[in-house]
PDB file of N, CA and C in Angstrom:
ATOM      1  N   UNK A   1     -35.187 -23.305  19.142  1.00  0.00           N
ATOM      2  CA  UNK A   1     -35.466 -23.248  17.337  1.00  0.00           C
ATOM      3  C   UNK A   1     -34.005 -23.039  16.460  1.00  0.00           C
ATOM      4  N   UNK A   2     -34.679 -24.152  15.874  1.00  0.00           N
ATOM      5  CA  UNK A   2     -33.698 -24.522  14.500  1.00  0.00           C
ATOM      6  C   UNK A   2     -33.231 -23.941  13.209  1.00  0.00           C
ATOM      7  N   UNK A   3     -32.842 -23.681  13.386  1.00  0.00           N
ATOM      8  CA  UNK A   3     -33.116 -23.170  11.581  1.00  0.00           C
ATOM      9  C   UNK A   3     -32.497 -24.217  10.553  1.00  0.00           C
ATOM     10  N   UNK A   4     -33.108 -24.018   9.717  1.00  0.00           N
ATOM     11  CA  UNK A   4     -32.531 -25.243   8.265  1.00  0.00           C
ATOM     12  C   UNK A   4     -32.254 -24.005   7.082  1.00  0.00           C
ATOM     13  N   UNK A   5     -31.096 -24.985   6.585  1.00  0.00           N
ATOM     14  CA  UNK A   5     -31.089 -23.872   4.691  1.00  0.00           C
ATOM     15  C   UNK A   5     -30.406 -25.353   3.941  1.00  0.00           C
ATOM     16  N   UNK A   6     -30.125 -25.082   3.150  1.00  0.00           N
ATOM     17  CA  UNK A   6     -29.978 -26.080   2.275  1.00  0.00           C
ATOM     18  C   UNK A   6     -28.925 -25.843   0.965  1.00  0.00           C
ATOM     19  N   UNK A   7     -28.215 -26.956   1.249  1.00  0.00           N
ATOM     20  CA  UNK A   7     -27.004 -26.278   0.574  1.00  0.00           C
ATOM     21  C   UNK A   7     -25.984 -26.710  -0.243  1.00  0.00           C
ATOM     22  N   UNK A   8     -25.073 -26.665  -0.829  1.00  0.00           N
ATOM     23  CA  UNK A   8     -25.146 -26.497  -2.599  1.00  0.00           C
ATOM     24  C   UNK A   8     -25.410 -27.808  -2.937  1.00  0.00           C
ATOM     25  N   UNK A   9     -25.155 -29.228  -2.712  1.00  0.00           N
ATOM     26  CA  UNK A   9     -26.135 -30.156  -2.775  1.00  0.00           C
ATOM     27  C   UNK A   9     -27.440 -30.785  -2.637  1.00  0.00           C
ATOM     28  N   UNK A  10     -27.947 -29.892  -2.133  1.00  0.00           N
ATOM     29  CA  UNK A  10     -29.436 -29.779  -1.903  1.00  0.00           C
ATOM     30  C   UNK A  10     -29.865 -30.552   0.004  1.00  0.00           C
ATOM     31  N   UNK A  11     -28.693 -30.556   0.302  1.00  0.00           N
ATOM     32  CA  UNK A  11     -29.441 -31.708   1.559  1.00  0.00           C
ATOM     33  C   UNK A  11     -29.522 -29.989   2.965  1.00  0.00           C
ATOM     34  N   UNK A  12     -30.093 -31.075   3.762  1.00  0.00           N
ATOM     35  CA  UNK A  12     -30.552 -29.460   4.448  1.00  0.00           C
ATOM     36  C   UNK A  12     -29.482 -29.521   5.758  1.00  0.00           C
ATOM     37  N   UNK A  13     -29.476 -28.796   6.358  1.00  0.00           N
ATOM     38  CA  UNK A  13     -28.625 -28.456   7.702  1.00  0.00           C
ATOM     39  C   UNK A  13     -28.925 -27.725   8.809  1.00  0.00           C
ATOM     40  N   UNK A  14     -29.041 -28.415   9.459  1.00  0.00           N
ATOM     41  CA  UNK A  14     -29.441 -27.606  11.216  1.00  0.00           C
ATOM     42  C   UNK A  14     -28.638 -26.843  11.753  1.00  0.00           C
ATOM     43  N   UNK A  15     -28.626 -25.610  12.025  1.00  0.00           N
ATOM     44  CA  UNK A  15     -28.627 -23.628  12.240  1.00  0.00           C
ATOM     45  C   UNK A  15     -28.498 -23.764  13.363  1.00  0.00           C
ATOM     46  N   UNK A  16     -27.805 -23.517  14.966  1.00  0.00           N
ATOM     47  CA  UNK A  16     -28.312 -22.831  16.216  1.00  0.00           C
ATOM     48  C   UNK A  16     -28.363 -22.132  15.613  1.00  0.00           C
ATOM     49  N   UNK A  17     -29.104 -21.042  16.157  1.00  0.00           N
ATOM     50  CA  UNK A  17     -28.991 -19.666  15.931  1.00  0.00           C
ATOM     51  C   UNK A  17     -27.965 -18.693  16.595  1.00  0.00           C
ATOM     52  N   UNK A  18     -27.564 -19.570  17.812  1.00  0.00           N
ATOM     53  CA  UNK A  18     -26.284 -18.706  18.931  1.00  0.00           C
ATOM     54  C   UNK A  18     -24.935 -18.687  17.673  1.00  0.00           C
ATOM     55  N   UNK A  19     -24.871 -20.199  16.520  1.00  0.00           N
ATOM     56  CA  UNK A  19     -23.844 -20.969  16.143  1.00  0.00           C
ATOM     57  C   UNK A  19     -23.448 -19.502  14.931  1.00  0.00           C
ATOM     58  N   UNK A  20     -25.199 -18.861  14.046  1.00  0.00           N
ATOM     59  CA  UNK A  20     -25.473 -18.237  13.163  1.00  0.00           C
ATOM     60  C   UNK A  20     -24.410 -17.038  14.049  1.00  0.00           C
ATOM     61  N   UNK A  21     -25.112 -16.305  14.737  1.00  0.00           N
ATOM     62  CA  UNK A  21     -24.915 -15.538  15.625  1.00  0.00           C
ATOM     63  C   UNK A  21     -23.667 -15.008  15.969  1.00  0.00           C
ATOM     64  N   UNK A  22     -22.982 -16.297  16.355  1.00  0.00           N
ATOM     65  CA  UNK A  22     -21.163 -16.180  16.470  1.00  0.00           C
ATOM     66  C   UNK A  22     -20.425 -16.167  14.809  1.00  0.00           C
ATOM     67  N   UNK A  23     -20.706 -16.520  13.568  1.00  0.00           N
ATOM     68  CA  UNK A  23     -20.323 -16.950  12.305  1.00  0.00           C
ATOM     69  C   UNK A  23     -20.478 -15.435  12.106  1.00  0.00           C
ATOM     70  N   UNK A  24     -21.945 -14.421  12.348  1.00  0.00           N
ATOM     71  CA  UNK A  24     -21.664 -13.610  11.527  1.00  0.00           C
ATOM     72  C   UNK A  24     -21.063 -12.552  12.454  1.00  0.00           C
ATOM     73  N   UNK A  25     -20.704 -12.372  14.150  1.00  0.00           N
ATOM     74  CA  UNK A  25     -19.767 -12.138  14.420  1.00  0.00           C
ATOM     75  C   UNK A  25     -18.430 -12.152  14.389  1.00  0.00           C
ATOM     76  N   UNK A  26     -17.762 -13.435  13.984  1.00  0.00           N
ATOM     77  CA  UNK A  26     -16.535 -13.784  13.098  1.00  0.00           C
ATOM     78  C   UNK A  26     -16.317 -12.858  12.237  1.00  0.00           C
ATOM     79  N   UNK A  27     -17.187 -12.588  10.894  1.00  0.00           N
ATOM     80  CA  UNK A  27     -17.174 -12.253  10.144  1.00  0.00           C
ATOM     81  C   UNK A  27     -17.385 -10.772  10.355  1.00  0.00           C
ATOM     82  N   UNK A  28     -17.869 -10.215  10.677  1.00  0.00           N
ATOM     83  CA  UNK A  28     -17.798  -8.753  11.431  1.00  0.00           C
ATOM     84  C   UNK A  28     -16.778  -8.171  11.374  1.00  0.00           C
ATOM     85  N   UNK A  29     -16.076  -9.224  12.625  1.00  0.00           N
ATOM     86  CA  UNK A  29     -14.769  -8.602  13.251  1.00  0.00           C
ATOM     87  C   UNK A  29     -13.265  -9.173  11.672  1.00  0.00           C
ATOM     88  N   UNK A  30     -13.656 -10.247  11.191  1.00  0.00           N
ATOM     89  CA  UNK A  30     -12.084 -10.061   9.828  1.00  0.00           C
ATOM     90  C   UNK A  30     -12.867  -8.772   9.217  1.00  0.00           C
ATOM     91  N   UNK A  31     -14.256  -8.449   8.630  1.00  0.00           N
ATOM     92  CA  UNK A  31     -14.372  -7.111   7.699  1.00  0.00           C
ATOM     93  C   UNK A  31     -13.761  -5.997   8.141  1.00  0.00           C
ATOM     94  N   UNK A  32     -13.834  -5.481   9.276  1.00  0.00           N
ATOM     95  CA  UNK A  32     -13.450  -4.110  10.270  1.00  0.00           C
ATOM     96  C   UNK A  32     -12.284  -4.885  10.074  1.00  0.00           C
ATOM     97  N   UNK A  33     -11.299  -5.568  10.131  1.00  0.00           N
ATOM     98  CA  UNK A  33      -9.822  -5.584  10.240  1.00  0.00           C
ATOM     99  C   UNK A  33      -9.344  -5.152   9.262  1.00  0.00           C
ATOM    100  N   UNK A  34     -10.139  -5.754   7.673  1.00  0.00           N
ATOM    101  CA  UNK A  34      -9.177  -5.687   6.250  1.00  0.00           C
ATOM    102  C   UNK A  34      -9.627  -4.759   5.948  1.00  0.00           C
ATOM    103  N   UNK A  35     -10.815  -3.841   5.794  1.00  0.00           N
ATOM    104  CA  UNK A  35     -11.647  -2.635   5.689  1.00  0.00           C
ATOM    105  C   UNK A  35     -10.064  -1.203   7.138  1.00  0.00           C
ATOM    106  N   UNK A  36      -9.571  -1.928   8.249  1.00  0.00           N
ATOM    107  CA  UNK A  36      -8.746  -0.847   8.508  1.00  0.00           C
ATOM    108  C   UNK A  36      -7.245  -1.177   8.028  1.00  0.00           C
ATOM    109  N   UNK A  37      -6.794  -2.223   8.056  1.00  0.00           N
ATOM    110  CA  UNK A  37      -6.216  -2.882   6.622  1.00  0.00           C
ATOM    111  C   UNK A  37      -5.730  -1.896   5.235  1.00  0.00           C
ATOM    112  N   UNK A  38      -6.757  -1.957   4.819  1.00  0.00           N
ATOM    113  CA  UNK A  38      -7.287  -0.972   3.460  1.00  0.00           C
ATOM    114  C   UNK A  38      -6.940   0.010   3.525  1.00  0.00           C
ATOM    115  N   UNK A  39      -7.468   0.926   4.376  1.00  0.00           N
ATOM    116  CA  UNK A  39      -7.222   2.310   5.105  1.00  0.00           C
ATOM    117  C   UNK A  39      -6.052   2.930   4.828  1.00  0.00           C
ATOM    118  N   UNK A  40      -4.933   2.097   6.143  1.00  0.00           N
ATOM    119  CA  UNK A  40      -4.164   2.234   5.972  1.00  0.00           C
ATOM    120  C   UNK A  40      -2.879   2.482   5.293  1.00  0.00           C
ATOM    121  N   UNK A  41      -3.113   1.296   4.464  1.00  0.00           N
ATOM    122  CA  UNK A  41      -2.550   1.108   3.108  1.00  0.00           C
ATOM    123  C   UNK A  41      -2.724   2.062   2.182  1.00  0.00           C
ATOM    124  N   UNK A  42      -3.887   2.885   1.641  1.00  0.00           N
ATOM    125  CA  UNK A  42      -4.435   3.621   1.167  1.00  0.00           C
ATOM    126  C   UNK A  42      -4.165   5.333   1.220  1.00  0.00           C
ATOM    127  N   UNK A  43      -3.393   5.630   2.898  1.00  0.00           N
ATOM    128  CA  UNK A  43      -3.915   6.585   3.105  1.00  0.00           C
ATOM    129  C   UNK A  43      -2.536   7.462   2.443  1.00  0.00           C
ATOM    130  N   UNK A  44      -2.801   8.532   2.049  1.00  0.00           N
ATOM    131  CA  UNK A  44      -1.899   9.759   0.629  1.00  0.00           C
ATOM    132  C   UNK A  44      -0.627   9.653   1.751  1.00  0.00           C
ATOM    133  N   UNK A  45      -0.409  10.321   2.806  1.00  0.00           N
ATOM    134  CA  UNK A  45       0.859  10.621   3.632  1.00  0.00           C
ATOM    135  C   UNK A  45       1.432   9.574   3.714  1.00  0.00           C
ATOM    136  N   UNK A  46       1.129   8.351   4.211  1.00  0.00           N
ATOM    137  CA  UNK A  46       1.733   7.282   4.672  1.00  0.00           C
ATOM    138  C   UNK A  46       2.152   6.452   2.307  1.00  0.00           C
ATOM    139  N   UNK A  47       1.545   6.832   1.779  1.00  0.00           N
ATOM    140  CA  UNK A  47       1.735   6.276   0.569  1.00  0.00           C
ATOM    141  C   UNK A  47       3.352   7.330  -0.343  1.00  0.00           C
ATOM    142  N   UNK A  48       2.917   8.706   0.297  1.00  0.00           N
ATOM    143  CA  UNK A  48       3.294   9.678   0.136  1.00  0.00           C
ATOM    144  C   UNK A  48       5.020   9.770   0.856  1.00  0.00           C
ATOM    145  N   UNK A  49       5.133   9.584   2.213  1.00  0.00           N
ATOM    146  CA  UNK A  49       6.048   8.515   2.742  1.00  0.00           C
ATOM    147  C   UNK A  49       7.582   7.447   2.701  1.00  0.00           C
ATOM    148  N   UNK A  50       6.451   6.987   1.878  1.00  0.00           N
ATOM    149  CA  UNK A  50       7.263   5.706   1.228  1.00  0.00           C
ATOM    150  C   UNK A  50       7.555   6.174  -0.128  1.00  0.00           C
ATOM    151  N   UNK A  51       7.326   6.879  -0.956  1.00  0.00           N
ATOM    152  CA  UNK A  51       7.438   7.144  -2.274  1.00  0.00           C
ATOM    153  C   UNK A  51       8.934   8.143  -1.854  1.00  0.00           C
ATOM    154  N   UNK A  52       8.510   8.548  -0.913  1.00  0.00           N
ATOM    155  CA  UNK A  52       9.865   9.964  -0.040  1.00  0.00           C
ATOM    156  C   UNK A  52      11.601   8.515   0.308  1.00  0.00           C
ATOM    157  N   UNK A  53      10.713   7.777   0.916  1.00  0.00           N
ATOM    158  CA  UNK A  53      11.825   6.795   1.457  1.00  0.00           C
ATOM    159  C   UNK A  53      12.359   5.451   0.178  1.00  0.00           C
ATOM    160  N   UNK A  54      11.651   5.641  -0.593  1.00  0.00           N
ATOM    161  CA  UNK A  54      12.464   4.702  -1.432  1.00  0.00           C
ATOM    162  C   UNK A  54      13.393   5.541  -2.529  1.00  0.00           C
ATOM    163  N   UNK A  55      12.621   6.829  -2.757  1.00  0.00           N
ATOM    164  CA  UNK A  55      13.525   8.108  -3.415  1.00  0.00           C
ATOM    165  C   UNK A  55      15.291   7.791  -3.091  1.00  0.00           C
ATOM    166  N   UNK A  56      14.955   8.006  -1.211  1.00  0.00           N
ATOM    167  CA  UNK A  56      16.224   8.290  -1.018  1.00  0.00           C
ATOM    168  C   UNK A  56      17.304   7.136  -1.077  1.00  0.00           C
ATOM    169  N   UNK A  57      16.401   6.288  -0.762  1.00  0.00           N
ATOM    170  CA  UNK A  57      17.337   5.291  -1.049  1.00  0.00           C
ATOM    171  C   UNK A  57      17.681   4.587  -2.522  1.00  0.00           C
ATOM    172  N   UNK A  58      17.101   5.262  -3.510  1.00  0.00           N
ATOM    173  CA  UNK A  58      17.831   4.463  -3.986  1.00  0.00           C
ATOM    174  C   UNK A  58      19.370   6.163  -4.833  1.00  0.00           C
ATOM    175  N   UNK A  59      18.833   7.090  -4.208  1.00  0.00           N
ATOM    176  CA  UNK A  59      19.872   8.551  -4.398  1.00  0.00           C
ATOM    177  C   UNK A  59      20.927   7.802  -3.159  1.00  0.00           C
ATOM    178  N   UNK A  60      20.945   7.616  -2.567  1.00  0.00           N
ATOM    179  CA  UNK A  60      22.241   7.185  -1.580  1.00  0.00           C
ATOM    180  C   UNK A  60      23.031   6.133  -2.003  1.00  0.00           C
ATOM    181  N   UNK A  61      22.389   5.666  -2.860  1.00  0.00           N
ATOM    182  CA  UNK A  61      23.464   4.055  -3.886  1.00  0.00           C
ATOM    183  C   UNK A  61      25.020   5.172  -4.315  1.00  0.00           C
ATOM    184  N   UNK A  62      25.848   4.459  -4.812  1.00  0.00           N
ATOM    185  CA  UNK A  62      26.976   5.844  -4.419  1.00  0.00           C
ATOM    186  C   UNK A  62      26.947   5.414  -6.088  1.00  0.00           C
ATOM    187  N   UNK A  63      26.655   4.386  -7.085  1.00  0.00           N
ATOM    188  CA  UNK A  63      26.248   4.757  -8.330  1.00  0.00           C
ATOM    189  C   UNK A  63      25.542   5.549  -8.671  1.00  0.00           C
ATOM    190  N   UNK A  64      24.029   6.254  -8.383  1.00  0.00           N
ATOM    191  CA  UNK A  64      23.112   7.098  -8.899  1.00  0.00           C
ATOM    192  C   UNK A  64      24.210   8.489  -8.088  1.00  0.00           C
ATOM    193  N   UNK A  65      25.179   8.249  -7.040  1.00  0.00           N
ATOM    194  CA  UNK A  65      24.764   9.530  -6.487  1.00  0.00           C
ATOM    195  C   UNK A  65      26.526  10.392  -7.632  1.00  0.00           C
ATOM    196  N   UNK A  66      26.990   9.414  -7.313  1.00  0.00           N
ATOM    197  CA  UNK A  66      28.672  10.007  -8.416  1.00  0.00           C
ATOM    198  C   UNK A  66      27.990  10.229 -10.034  1.00  0.00           C
ATOM    199  N   UNK A  67      26.729   9.425 -10.756  1.00  0.00           N
ATOM    200  CA  UNK A  67      25.967  10.441 -11.565  1.00  0.00           C
ATOM    201  C   UNK A  67      25.420  11.659 -11.567  1.00  0.00           C
ATOM    202  N   UNK A  68      24.453  11.707 -10.467  1.00  0.00           N
ATOM    203  CA  UNK A  68      23.810  12.987 -10.662  1.00  0.00           C
ATOM    204  C   UNK A  68      25.039  13.778  -9.909  1.00  0.00           C
ATOM    205  N   UNK A  69      26.151  14.022  -9.506  1.00  0.00           N
ATOM    206  CA  UNK A  69      27.324  14.514  -9.138  1.00  0.00           C
ATOM    207  C   UNK A  69      27.676  14.989 -10.169  1.00  0.00           C
ATOM    208  N   UNK A  70      28.238  13.726 -11.517  1.00  0.00           N
ATOM    209  CA  UNK A  70      28.153  14.269 -12.991  1.00  0.00           C
ATOM    210  C   UNK A  70      27.298  15.245 -13.303  1.00  0.00           C
ATOM    211  N   UNK A  71      26.414  15.013 -13.513  1.00  0.00           N
ATOM    212  CA  UNK A  71      25.169  15.287 -13.839  1.00  0.00           C
ATOM    213  C   UNK A  71      24.927  17.001 -14.075  1.00  0.00           C
ATOM    214  N   UNK A  72      25.991  17.668 -12.569  1.00  0.00           N
ATOM    215  CA  UNK A  72      25.470  18.854 -11.460  1.00  0.00           C
ATOM    216  C   UNK A  72      26.627  19.393 -12.156  1.00  0.00           C
ATOM    217  N   UNK A  73      27.915  18.539 -12.266  1.00  0.00           N
ATOM    218  CA  UNK A  73      28.860  19.570 -12.089  1.00  0.00           C
ATOM    219  C   UNK A  73      29.050  19.860 -13.558  1.00  0.00           C
ATOM    220  N   UNK A  74      28.505  18.864 -14.781  1.00  0.00           N
ATOM    221  CA  UNK A  74      27.817  19.266 -16.666  1.00  0.00           C
ATOM    222  C   UNK A  74      27.230  20.629 -16.433  1.00  0.00           C
ATOM    223  N   UNK A  75      26.180  20.440 -15.660  1.00  0.00           N
ATOM    224  CA  UNK A  75      25.461  21.730 -16.083  1.00  0.00           C
ATOM    225  C   UNK A  75      25.801  22.699 -14.821  1.00  0.00           C
ATOM    226  N   UNK A  76      26.857  23.349 -14.042  1.00  0.00           N
ATOM    227  CA  UNK A  76      27.334  24.077 -13.846  1.00  0.00           C
ATOM    228  C   UNK A  76      28.348  24.702 -14.911  1.00  0.00           C
ATOM    229  N   UNK A  77      29.225  23.721 -15.789  1.00  0.00           N
ATOM    230  CA  UNK A  77      30.009  23.974 -17.126  1.00  0.00           C
ATOM    231  C   UNK A  77      29.278  24.910 -17.741  1.00  0.00           C
ATOM    232  N   UNK A  78      28.557  24.614 -18.446  1.00  0.00           N
ATOM    233  CA  UNK A  78      27.409  24.520 -20.004  1.00  0.00           C
ATOM    234  C   UNK A  78      26.728  26.418 -19.176  1.00  0.00           C
ATOM    235  N   UNK A  79      26.210  26.581 -17.692  1.00  0.00           N
ATOM    236  CA  UNK A  79      25.785  27.347 -17.736  1.00  0.00           C
ATOM    237  C   UNK A  79      26.975  28.553 -17.329  1.00  0.00           C
ATOM    238  N   UNK A  80      28.248  28.300 -16.603  1.00  0.00           N
ATOM    239  CA  UNK A  80      29.071  29.207 -16.556  1.00  0.00           C
ATOM    240  C   UNK A  80      30.010  29.628 -18.284  1.00  0.00           C
ATOM    241  N   UNK A  81      29.626  28.805 -18.669  1.00  0.00           N
ATOM    242  CA  UNK A  81      30.178  29.037 -20.944  1.00  0.00           C
ATOM    243  C   UNK A  81      28.904  29.400 -20.933  1.00  0.00           C
ATOM    244  N   UNK A  82      28.464  29.703 -20.774  1.00  0.00           N
ATOM    245  CA  UNK A  82      27.359  30.061 -21.240  1.00  0.00           C
ATOM    246  C   UNK A  82      26.783  31.677 -21.389  1.00  0.00           C
ATOM    247  N   UNK A  83      27.232  32.624 -19.779  1.00  0.00           N
ATOM    248  CA  UNK A  83      27.571  33.393 -19.456  1.00  0.00           C
ATOM    249  C   UNK A  83      28.536  33.802 -19.623  1.00  0.00           C
ATOM    250  N   UNK A  84      29.427  32.978 -19.765  1.00  0.00           N
ATOM    251  CA  UNK A  84      31.197  33.911 -20.474  1.00  0.00           C
ATOM    252  C   UNK A  84      31.180  34.441 -21.798  1.00  0.00           C
ATOM    253  N   UNK A  85      29.922  33.453 -22.451  1.00  0.00           N
ATOM    254  CA  UNK A  85      30.106  33.221 -24.407  1.00  0.00           C
ATOM    255  C   UNK A  85      29.148  35.120 -24.412  1.00  0.00           C
ATOM    256  N   UNK A  86      27.948  35.766 -23.827  1.00  0.00           N
ATOM    257  CA  UNK A  86      27.444  36.661 -23.936  1.00  0.00           C
ATOM    258  C   UNK A  86      27.919  37.233 -23.985  1.00  0.00           C
TER     259      UNK A  86
END
């Protein structure tokens, strides 16, 4: 048994049921792969780990590390001055 369908131009195309089944199986497989990929990308643990890794790599840059060290020293000096002025 052959199935027919009308395409965009209005012509009728014969389609073999086995071909249709193969196309459905292929589409199902592609959909499953896409869903798996999206699930992996949307995983909250993975997102948090990626953000943590980016933050650590940013802080390890020499310019950022020196800036943070300078801010730390400034805060320490201000705290010591405030304690002495009591």
